[in-house]
C-alpha atoms as a PDB file:
ATOM      1  CA  MET A   1     113.068 123.154  98.934  1.00  0.00           C
ATOM      2  CA  LYS A   2     110.402 124.901  95.993  1.00  0.00           C
ATOM      3  CA  SER A   3     106.708 123.975  96.888  1.00  0.00           C
ATOM      4  CA  ASP A   4     104.888 121.997  94.593  1.00  0.00           C
ATOM      5  CA  ILE A   5     101.342 123.244  96.129  1.00  0.00           C
ATOM      6  CA  ASN A   6      99.912 125.148  93.505  1.00  0.00           C
ATOM      7  CA  ILE A   7      97.623 127.923  93.766  1.00  0.00           C
ATOM      8  CA  TRP A   8      95.062 130.077  91.087  1.00  0.00           C
ATOM      9  CA  ILE A   9      93.348 133.231  91.880  1.00  0.00           C
ATOM     10  CA  THR A  10      90.246 134.559  90.198  1.00  0.00           C
ATOM     11  CA  GLY A  11      87.900 137.554  90.798  1.00  0.00           C
ATOM     12  CA  ASP A  12      84.351 137.912  91.942  1.00  0.00           C
ATOM     13  CA  THR A  13      81.985 135.124  92.372  1.00  0.00           C
ATOM     14  CA  HIS A  14      79.061 136.596  93.600  1.00  0.00           C
ATOM     15  CA  GLY A  15      77.672 133.636  94.723  1.00  0.00           C
ATOM     16  CA  GLY A  16      76.526 131.628  92.134  1.00  0.00           C
ATOM     17  CA  LEU A  17      76.161 134.361  89.564  1.00  0.00           C
ATOM     18  CA  ASP A  18      79.754 134.584  88.295  1.00  0.00           C
ATOM     19  CA  ILE A  19      80.697 130.938  89.100  1.00  0.00           C
ATOM     20  CA  GLU A  20      80.718 129.502  85.639  1.00  0.00           C
ATOM     21  CA  LYS A  21      83.850 130.679  85.645  1.00  0.00           C
ATOM     22  CA  LEU A  22      85.378 127.684  87.740  1.00  0.00           C
ATOM     23  CA  LYS A  23      83.449 124.311  85.952  1.00  0.00           C
ATOM     24  CA  SER A  24      85.381 122.364  84.123  1.00  0.00           C
ATOM     25  CA  LYS A  25      84.750 123.444  80.854  1.00  0.00           C
ATOM     26  CA  ASN A  26      86.019 126.743  81.193  1.00  0.00           C
ATOM     27  CA  TRP A  27      88.676 125.694  83.973  1.00  0.00           C
ATOM     28  CA  LYS A  28      89.666 123.214  82.874  1.00  0.00           C
ATOM     29  CA  GLU A  29      93.317 122.968  84.580  1.00  0.00           C
ATOM     30  CA  GLY A  30      90.819 122.872  88.465  1.00  0.00           C
ATOM     31  CA  LYS A  31      89.727 118.903  87.480  1.00  0.00           C
ATOM     32  CA  HIS A  32      93.757 118.170  88.014  1.00  0.00           C
ATOM     33  CA  LEU A  33      94.324 119.867  91.456  1.00  0.00           C
ATOM     34  CA  SER A  34      93.912 118.257  94.431  1.00  0.00           C
ATOM     35  CA  LYS A  35      92.566 119.631  98.701  1.00  0.00           C
ATOM     36  CA  SER A  36      96.304 120.207  99.074  1.00  0.00           C
ATOM     37  CA  ASP A  37      96.466 122.985  96.074  1.00  0.00           C
ATOM     38  CA  TYR A  38      94.281 126.247  96.341  1.00  0.00           C
ATOM     39  CA  LEU A  39      91.896 128.451  94.436  1.00  0.00           C
ATOM     40  CA  ILE A  40      91.730 132.270  95.806  1.00  0.00           C
ATOM     41  CA  ILE A  41      88.890 134.380  95.132  1.00  0.00           C
ATOM     42  CA  LEU A  42      89.332 138.660  94.986  1.00  0.00           C
ATOM     43  CA  GLY A  43      86.455 139.790  97.391  1.00  0.00           C
ATOM     44  CA  ASP A  44      82.569 139.592  96.298  1.00  0.00           C
ATOM     45  CA  PHE A  45      83.136 136.169  97.665  1.00  0.00           C
ATOM     46  CA  GLY A  46      79.100 136.231  98.023  1.00  0.00           C
ATOM     47  CA  PHE A  47      78.073 132.755  99.096  1.00  0.00           C
ATOM     48  CA  LEU A  48      77.578 133.288 102.965  1.00  0.00           C
ATOM     49  CA  TRP A  49      74.547 136.104 102.072  1.00  0.00           C
ATOM     50  CA  GLU A  50      71.719 135.356 103.660  1.00  0.00           C
ATOM     51  CA  SER A  51      71.425 135.754 107.506  1.00  0.00           C
ATOM     52  CA  ARG A  52      71.336 132.115 107.972  1.00  0.00           C
ATOM     53  CA  SER A  53      71.874 129.732 106.136  1.00  0.00           C
ATOM     54  CA  ASP A  54      69.294 128.570 102.823  1.00  0.00           C
ATOM     55  CA  LYS A  55      69.000 125.799 100.381  1.00  0.00           C
ATOM     56  CA  THR A  56      70.364 127.891  97.776  1.00  0.00           C
ATOM     57  CA  GLU A  57      73.828 128.578  99.979  1.00  0.00           C
ATOM     58  CA  LYS A  58      74.119 125.091 101.036  1.00  0.00           C
ATOM     59  CA  TYR A  59      73.969 123.901  96.977  1.00  0.00           C
ATOM     60  CA  TRP A  60      76.663 126.060  96.403  1.00  0.00           C
ATOM     61  CA  LEU A  61      78.814 125.069  99.039  1.00  0.00           C
ATOM     62  CA  ASP A  62      78.413 121.594  98.628  1.00  0.00           C
ATOM     63  CA  TRP A  63      79.603 122.326  94.504  1.00  0.00           C
ATOM     64  CA  LEU A  64      82.733 123.733  96.129  1.00  0.00           C
ATOM     65  CA  ASP A  65      84.089 121.659  98.431  1.00  0.00           C
ATOM     66  CA  LYS A  66      83.220 118.367  96.196  1.00  0.00           C
ATOM     67  CA  GLN A  67      86.164 120.587  94.036  1.00  0.00           C
ATOM     68  CA  ASN A  68      89.422 118.770  93.846  1.00  0.00           C
ATOM     69  CA  TYR A  69      90.955 122.186  95.837  1.00  0.00           C
ATOM     70  CA  THR A  70      90.926 124.116  98.328  1.00  0.00           C
ATOM     71  CA  THR A  71      88.945 127.497  98.532  1.00  0.00           C
ATOM     72  CA  LEU A  72      90.531 130.681 100.085  1.00  0.00           C
ATOM     73  CA  PHE A  73      88.540 133.788  99.599  1.00  0.00           C
ATOM     74  CA  ILE A  74      89.437 137.810 100.525  1.00  0.00           C
ATOM     75  CA  ASP A  75      86.134 139.753 101.506  1.00  0.00           C
ATOM     76  CA  GLY A  76      84.542 142.664  99.224  1.00  0.00           C
ATOM     77  CA  ASN A  77      81.864 144.913  99.514  1.00  0.00           C
ATOM     78  CA  HIS A  78      79.147 142.478  98.081  1.00  0.00           C
ATOM     79  CA  GLU A  79      79.688 140.575 101.526  1.00  0.00           C
ATOM     80  CA  ASN A  80      77.339 139.513 105.164  1.00  0.00           C
ATOM     81  CA  HIS A  81      80.142 140.891 107.000  1.00  0.00           C
ATOM     82  CA  ILE A  82      78.055 140.099 110.354  1.00  0.00           C
ATOM     83  CA  ARG A  83      78.421 136.305 108.931  1.00  0.00           C
ATOM     84  CA  LEU A  84      82.070 136.383 107.935  1.00  0.00           C
ATOM     85  CA  GLU A  85      82.524 137.523 111.498  1.00  0.00           C
ATOM     86  CA  ARG A  86      81.244 135.472 113.230  1.00  0.00           C
ATOM     87  CA  LEU A  87      82.746 132.323 111.299  1.00  0.00           C
ATOM     88  CA  GLU A  88      85.360 130.231 113.987  1.00  0.00           C
ATOM     89  CA  LYS A  89      88.622 131.466 113.441  1.00  0.00           C
ATOM     90  CA  VAL A  90      91.431 128.652 112.918  1.00  0.00           C
ATOM     91  CA  ASP A  91      94.854 128.969 112.985  1.00  0.00           C
ATOM     92  CA  MET A  92      96.183 128.390 109.063  1.00  0.00           C
ATOM     93  CA  PHE A  93      99.231 129.821 107.403  1.00  0.00           C
ATOM     94  CA  GLY A  94     100.538 131.197 110.467  1.00  0.00           C
ATOM     95  CA  SER A  95      97.305 133.771 111.197  1.00  0.00           C
ATOM     96  CA  LYS A  96      93.752 133.299 111.821  1.00  0.00           C
ATOM     97  CA  VAL A  97      91.498 132.373 108.732  1.00  0.00           C
ATOM     98  CA  GLY A  98      87.421 132.078 109.458  1.00  0.00           C
ATOM     99  CA  LYS A  99      86.696 128.870 108.688  1.00  0.00           C
ATOM    100  CA  VAL A 100      83.585 128.102 106.506  1.00  0.00           C
ATOM    101  CA  THR A 101      84.143 124.715 105.758  1.00  0.00           C
ATOM    102  CA  ASP A 102      86.851 121.893 105.634  1.00  0.00           C
ATOM    103  CA  SER A 103      87.521 123.284 102.046  1.00  0.00           C
ATOM    104  CA  ILE A 104      86.622 126.886 102.106  1.00  0.00           C
ATOM    105  CA  TYR A 105      88.346 129.778 104.108  1.00  0.00           C
ATOM    106  CA  HIS A 106      88.343 133.509 104.842  1.00  0.00           C
ATOM    107  CA  LEU A 107      91.910 134.991 104.191  1.00  0.00           C
ATOM    108  CA  ARG A 108      91.256 138.307 106.784  1.00  0.00           C
ATOM    109  CA  ARG A 109      91.772 141.336 106.692  1.00  0.00           C
ATOM    110  CA  GLY A 110      95.531 142.957 107.757  1.00  0.00           C
ATOM    111  CA  GLU A 111      97.119 139.276 107.697  1.00  0.00           C
ATOM    112  CA  VAL A 112     100.200 138.054 106.327  1.00  0.00           C
ATOM    113  CA  TYR A 113      99.248 134.322 105.519  1.00  0.00           C
ATOM    114  CA  THR A 114     102.478 132.178 104.775  1.00  0.00           C
ATOM    115  CA  ILE A 115     100.973 129.811 101.702  1.00  0.00           C
ATOM    116  CA  ALA A 116     103.155 127.512  99.731  1.00  0.00           C
ATOM    117  CA  ASP A 117     106.652 129.165 101.134  1.00  0.00           C
ATOM    118  CA  SER A 118     104.974 132.370  99.540  1.00  0.00           C
ATOM    119  CA  ALA A 119     103.908 135.665 101.893  1.00  0.00           C
ATOM    120  CA  PHE A 120     100.605 136.669 101.096  1.00  0.00           C
ATOM    121  CA  PHE A 121      98.676 139.922 102.629  1.00  0.00           C
ATOM    122  CA  CYS A 122      94.987 140.531 102.397  1.00  0.00           C
ATOM    123  CA  PHE A 123      93.460 143.478 102.528  1.00  0.00           C
ATOM    124  CA  GLY A 124      89.689 143.419 101.328  1.00  0.00           C
ATOM    125  CA  GLY A 125      86.277 145.332 101.436  1.00  0.00           C
ATOM    126  CA  ALA A 126      85.220 148.695  99.109  1.00  0.00           C
ATOM    127  CA  THR A 127      82.666 150.641  98.738  1.00  0.00           C
ATOM    128  CA  SER A 128      79.473 149.222  97.162  1.00  0.00           C
ATOM    129  CA  THR A 129      78.621 152.306  94.400  1.00  0.00           C
ATOM    130  CA  ASP A 130      75.059 150.465  94.454  1.00  0.00           C
ATOM    131  CA  ARG A 131      74.733 151.061  98.194  1.00  0.00           C
ATOM    132  CA  LYS A 132      71.864 153.830  97.525  1.00  0.00           C
ATOM    133  CA  ASP A 133      69.777 150.901  96.186  1.00  0.00           C
ATOM    134  CA  ARG A 134      70.473 148.565  98.981  1.00  0.00           C
ATOM    135  CA  ILE A 135      68.985 148.135 102.409  1.00  0.00           C
ATOM    136  CA  GLU A 136      71.423 148.016 104.983  1.00  0.00           C
ATOM    137  CA  TYR A 137      71.603 144.121 107.306  1.00  0.00           C
ATOM    138  CA  GLU A 138      69.419 143.114 104.257  1.00  0.00           C
ATOM    139  CA  ASP A 139      71.947 143.378 101.376  1.00  0.00           C
ATOM    140  CA  TRP A 140      73.899 145.650 102.459  1.00  0.00           C
ATOM    141  CA  TRP A 141      76.861 146.089 105.202  1.00  0.00           C
ATOM    142  CA  HIS A 142      78.791 149.042 106.455  1.00  0.00           C
ATOM    143  CA  GLN A 143      81.496 146.996 107.616  1.00  0.00           C
ATOM    144  CA  GLU A 144      82.468 147.045 103.579  1.00  0.00           C
ATOM    145  CA  VAL A 145      84.825 149.801 104.328  1.00  0.00           C
ATOM    146  CA  PRO A 146      87.610 149.182 106.506  1.00  0.00           C
ATOM    147  CA  THR A 147      88.346 150.966 109.263  1.00  0.00           C
ATOM    148  CA  GLU A 148      91.446 152.776 110.528  1.00  0.00           C
ATOM    149  CA  SER A 149      92.219 150.450 113.360  1.00  0.00           C
ATOM    150  CA  GLU A 150      92.207 147.205 110.726  1.00  0.00           C
ATOM    151  CA  LEU A 151      94.659 149.643 108.339  1.00  0.00           C
ATOM    152  CA  LYS A 152      96.161 149.842 111.451  1.00  0.00           C
ATOM    153  CA  TYR A 153      96.739 146.697 112.128  1.00  0.00           C
ATOM    154  CA  GLY A 154      97.627 145.775 108.809  1.00  0.00           C
ATOM    155  CA  LEU A 155     100.162 148.103 108.655  1.00  0.00           C
ATOM    156  CA  ASP A 156     101.794 146.394 111.953  1.00  0.00           C
ATOM    157  CA  ASN A 157     101.300 143.320 110.804  1.00  0.00           C
ATOM    158  CA  LEU A 158     103.898 143.850 107.460  1.00  0.00           C
ATOM    159  CA  SER A 159     106.145 146.300 109.398  1.00  0.00           C
ATOM    160  CA  LYS A 160     106.745 142.738 111.188  1.00  0.00           C
ATOM    161  CA  HIS A 161     107.673 141.325 108.004  1.00  0.00           C
ATOM    162  CA  ASP A 162     109.766 144.472 107.587  1.00  0.00           C
ATOM    163  CA  TYR A 163     107.022 145.303 104.699  1.00  0.00           C
ATOM    164  CA  LYS A 164     108.139 142.564 102.606  1.00  0.00           C
ATOM    165  CA  VAL A 165     106.123 140.121 100.898  1.00  0.00           C
ATOM    166  CA  ASP A 166     105.402 137.640  97.642  1.00  0.00           C
ATOM    167  CA  TYR A 167     101.838 139.177  96.861  1.00  0.00           C
ATOM    168  CA  LEU A 168      99.047 142.033  98.040  1.00  0.00           C
ATOM    169  CA  LEU A 169      95.397 140.599  97.924  1.00  0.00           C
ATOM    170  CA  PHE A 170      93.000 143.613  97.753  1.00  0.00           C
ATOM    171  CA  HIS A 171      89.029 143.438  96.331  1.00  0.00           C
ATOM    172  CA  THR A 172      89.653 147.173  95.077  1.00  0.00           C
ATOM    173  CA  ILE A 173      92.971 148.801  93.952  1.00  0.00           C
ATOM    174  CA  PRO A 174      95.166 151.231  95.683  1.00  0.00           C
ATOM    175  CA  THR A 175      94.193 154.957  94.134  1.00  0.00           C
ATOM    176  CA  SER A 176      98.267 154.973  92.584  1.00  0.00           C
ATOM    177  CA  ILE A 177      96.853 151.871  90.347  1.00  0.00           C
ATOM    178  CA  HIS A 178      93.252 153.095  89.811  1.00  0.00           C
ATOM    179  CA  ASN A 179      94.416 156.548  88.026  1.00  0.00           C
ATOM    180  CA  LYS A 180      96.324 154.147  85.215  1.00  0.00           C
ATOM    181  CA  ILE A 181      92.948 152.306  84.387  1.00  0.00           C
ATOM    182  CA  PRO A 182      90.947 153.487  81.779  1.00  0.00           C
ATOM    183  CA  HIS A 183      87.683 151.922  82.659  1.00  0.00           C
ATOM    184  CA  LYS A 184      85.278 152.698  85.611  1.00  0.00           C
ATOM    185  CA  LYS A 185      87.469 155.734  86.469  1.00  0.00           C
ATOM    186  CA  SER A 186      84.053 157.138  88.058  1.00  0.00           C
ATOM    187  CA  LYS A 187      83.915 159.285  90.976  1.00  0.00           C
ATOM    188  CA  ALA A 188      82.525 157.211  93.057  1.00  0.00           C
ATOM    189  CA  TYR A 189      85.337 154.189  92.475  1.00  0.00           C
ATOM    190  CA  LEU A 190      87.829 157.149  93.013  1.00  0.00           C
ATOM    191  CA  ASN A 191      86.252 158.343  96.143  1.00  0.00           C
ATOM    192  CA  ASP A 192      86.108 155.099  97.851  1.00  0.00           C
ATOM    193  CA  PRO A 193      88.358 155.715 101.051  1.00  0.00           C
ATOM    194  CA  THR A 194      89.395 152.133 100.812  1.00  0.00           C
ATOM    195  CA  CYS A 195      91.417 152.555  98.155  1.00  0.00           C
ATOM    196  CA  LYS A 196      93.476 155.472  99.844  1.00  0.00           C
ATOM    197  CA  MET A 197      94.470 153.050 102.356  1.00  0.00           C
ATOM    198  CA  LEU A 198      95.241 150.275 100.007  1.00  0.00           C
ATOM    199  CA  ASP A 199      97.484 153.228  98.756  1.00  0.00           C
ATOM    200  CA  GLU A 200      99.434 153.907 101.922  1.00  0.00           C
ATOM    201  CA  ILE A 201      99.790 149.732 102.250  1.00  0.00           C
ATOM    202  CA  TYR A 202     100.602 149.754  98.414  1.00  0.00           C
ATOM    203  CA  LYS A 203     103.756 152.636  98.873  1.00  0.00           C
ATOM    204  CA  CYS A 204     105.279 151.412 101.729  1.00  0.00           C
ATOM    205  CA  THR A 205     105.352 147.800 100.817  1.00  0.00           C
ATOM    206  CA  THR A 206     108.241 145.973  98.423  1.00  0.00           C
ATOM    207  CA  PHE A 207     106.337 142.476  96.904  1.00  0.00           C
ATOM    208  CA  THR A 208     106.153 140.971  93.538  1.00  0.00           C
ATOM    209  CA  LYS A 209     102.334 141.048  92.504  1.00  0.00           C
ATOM    210  CA  GLY A 210      99.591 143.049  93.286  1.00  0.00           C
ATOM    211  CA  PHE A 211      95.833 141.651  92.434  1.00  0.00           C
ATOM    212  CA  SER A 212      92.342 142.573  92.800  1.00  0.00           C
ATOM    213  CA  GLY A 213      88.587 142.123  91.584  1.00  0.00           C
ATOM    214  CA  HIS A 214      85.930 144.264  91.966  1.00  0.00           C
ATOM    215  CA  PHE A 215      86.164 145.751  88.332  1.00  0.00           C
ATOM    216  CA  HIS A 216      84.288 143.192  86.363  1.00  0.00           C
ATOM    217  CA  ILE A 217      87.219 143.880  84.242  1.00  0.00           C
ATOM    218  CA  ASP A 218      90.614 141.512  83.492  1.00  0.00           C
ATOM    219  CA  TYR A 219      93.432 143.975  82.997  1.00  0.00           C
ATOM    220  CA  GLU A 220      96.980 143.983  83.653  1.00  0.00           C
ATOM    221  CA  ILE A 221      98.946 147.033  84.550  1.00  0.00           C
ATOM    222  CA  ASP A 222     103.066 147.749  85.869  1.00  0.00           C
ATOM    223  CA  ASN A 223     103.029 144.541  88.441  1.00  0.00           C
ATOM    224  CA  TRP A 224      99.177 144.271  89.277  1.00  0.00           C
ATOM    225  CA  SER A 225      96.620 142.582  87.995  1.00  0.00           C
ATOM    226  CA  VAL A 226      92.386 142.955  87.676  1.00  0.00           C
ATOM    227  CA  LEU A 227      90.761 139.760  87.555  1.00  0.00           C
ATOM    228  CA  TYR A 228      87.535 138.740  86.837  1.00  0.00           C
ATOM    229  CA  ASP A 229      86.486 135.953  84.508  1.00  0.00           C
ATOM    230  CA  LYS A 230      90.735 134.774  84.364  1.00  0.00           C
ATOM    231  CA  VAL A 231      91.349 132.002  86.632  1.00  0.00           C
ATOM    232  CA  VAL A 232      95.508 132.231  86.362  1.00  0.00           C
ATOM    233  CA  LYS A 233      97.871 129.934  88.568  1.00  0.00           C
ATOM    234  CA  ILE A 234     100.305 132.231  90.580  1.00  0.00           C
ATOM    235  CA  LYS A 235     102.326 128.947  91.596  1.00  0.00           C
END
């Protein structure tokens, strides 16, 4: 039976900095969704930023809660990874997610989730190219780069699904895709160890479509979409 749940996806939000694309004047379709529909943000969610909740965070989380859809996000590099790890873990989509509110959830690294009858493999994280200008545990966290154990966990989960999913959700992109994008091909981006991990996943997995954020561009190549401003429907 075909699911009638709608799933939309977009790039980084960086807290309130890049939220305009989700406002009704720019994304009119969002007004016609329901809480059983989903918006997925491809990392650099950025709303849980300070060491503890403040007025700005509460304002934006309340704003998201009031929207007609349920928000899901993978983690990027510009996140407070300590706070993400401390979120309550709840069962959803066949695995564990981090609960922010009743309609905002973190899709964790290495998990395979079944959402609207489709399988999504999630693996967030990336290296911040501006980390030299940041202060650890204040506006930069070393947990932004996935560990080898997280990679192994993800590959083990994929093996349980015979390395077949419908969608790959990453923050940055596999090296194999990276080399084809004629934009921001700086050494800092190319030398990200996360890209090499994603390449290992990319090469062993059969999938229909892959999505990434991170690069602040909207770009299509092969069966991959890099998203920033666009909000696109995938189901």
